[in-house]
């Protein structure tokens, strides 16, 4: 049916939320905005992050005039079990809206609610500390549980997967993140893979991604005793490849592909908390068929440790 056909690939926020929302350790330096860091969470400490993510996809090559808008309030909590092992939980509250032309009329399909809960652990495998600098490498792995509603309906019937708050499937993800930090800057990079499963006759394509982030202290330029806060400039790249979705066991030719994002941002950093914002801008989108392109994804929020 025209209302549902081709909508399964309009999942810009869901794809980004699955692996792109790590939380950093509590420290007085910057941290990646769109993914995790290898810096540890001290034993017995908690790290809390609240992030608003707003995405829009409106460049529709299918002729259906699809316009997807998604907003997510993402709550993340981390706990240092030991100096090397940290556990994390991430739960979004999402508000999705899809406008399109079906049967000659403009229709809007929308849903909101809590999404899927992601739980994962991260272990510091390598640590090299020297005066004024440190290097950490930490693999991580986790599961995404189907806690979000995946059976919402409207007057037209069951909403397409792109609009549902939850996926309905148990999915696994894993990767490794590396962090190099000096007193002036921090570099983070991450490779990760998400394996998605079928639910309700729909299976989102697996996703592989490479992320890199540079955070550079813009102010103050010289470190002196008693400086209460810092301003960091952030620039990140996110290379994301998604496989084809499968609907009823059949691969959807109008789904999946590769997107390269460039993310400029700013962070205001104190000893206990960080306020930050950045916007993901697609610079390359090599998508299959009539898959919906992403216009932008805005990230803004705060994090603190206690």
Foldseek 3Di string as FASTA:
>chain_A
DVQAPQPQFQAVPVVQVVAQDAFEEQFFFDADQGHYAQQFHAAFKKKKWWKKKWWWFQPFPPPFRKIKIKIKTKIKMKHHNHRFKIKMKIKIWMKIKIWTHDPNDIDIDIDTGIEWMKIKMKGWPDWDDDVFKIKTKIKMKIKTGFPFDQADADPVHGDHNSRGRYNQWIKMKIWMKMWMGGPFKIKIKIWMKIAWDDDPQKTWFIKIKIKMKMWGWPPPPDDDPPDFKTKIKMKMKMKMWGDFMGGNNHGDQQHTFIWIWIKIKMWIGGSFKIWIKIKTATPDTDGGDRRTDIGIMIMTIMMGMD
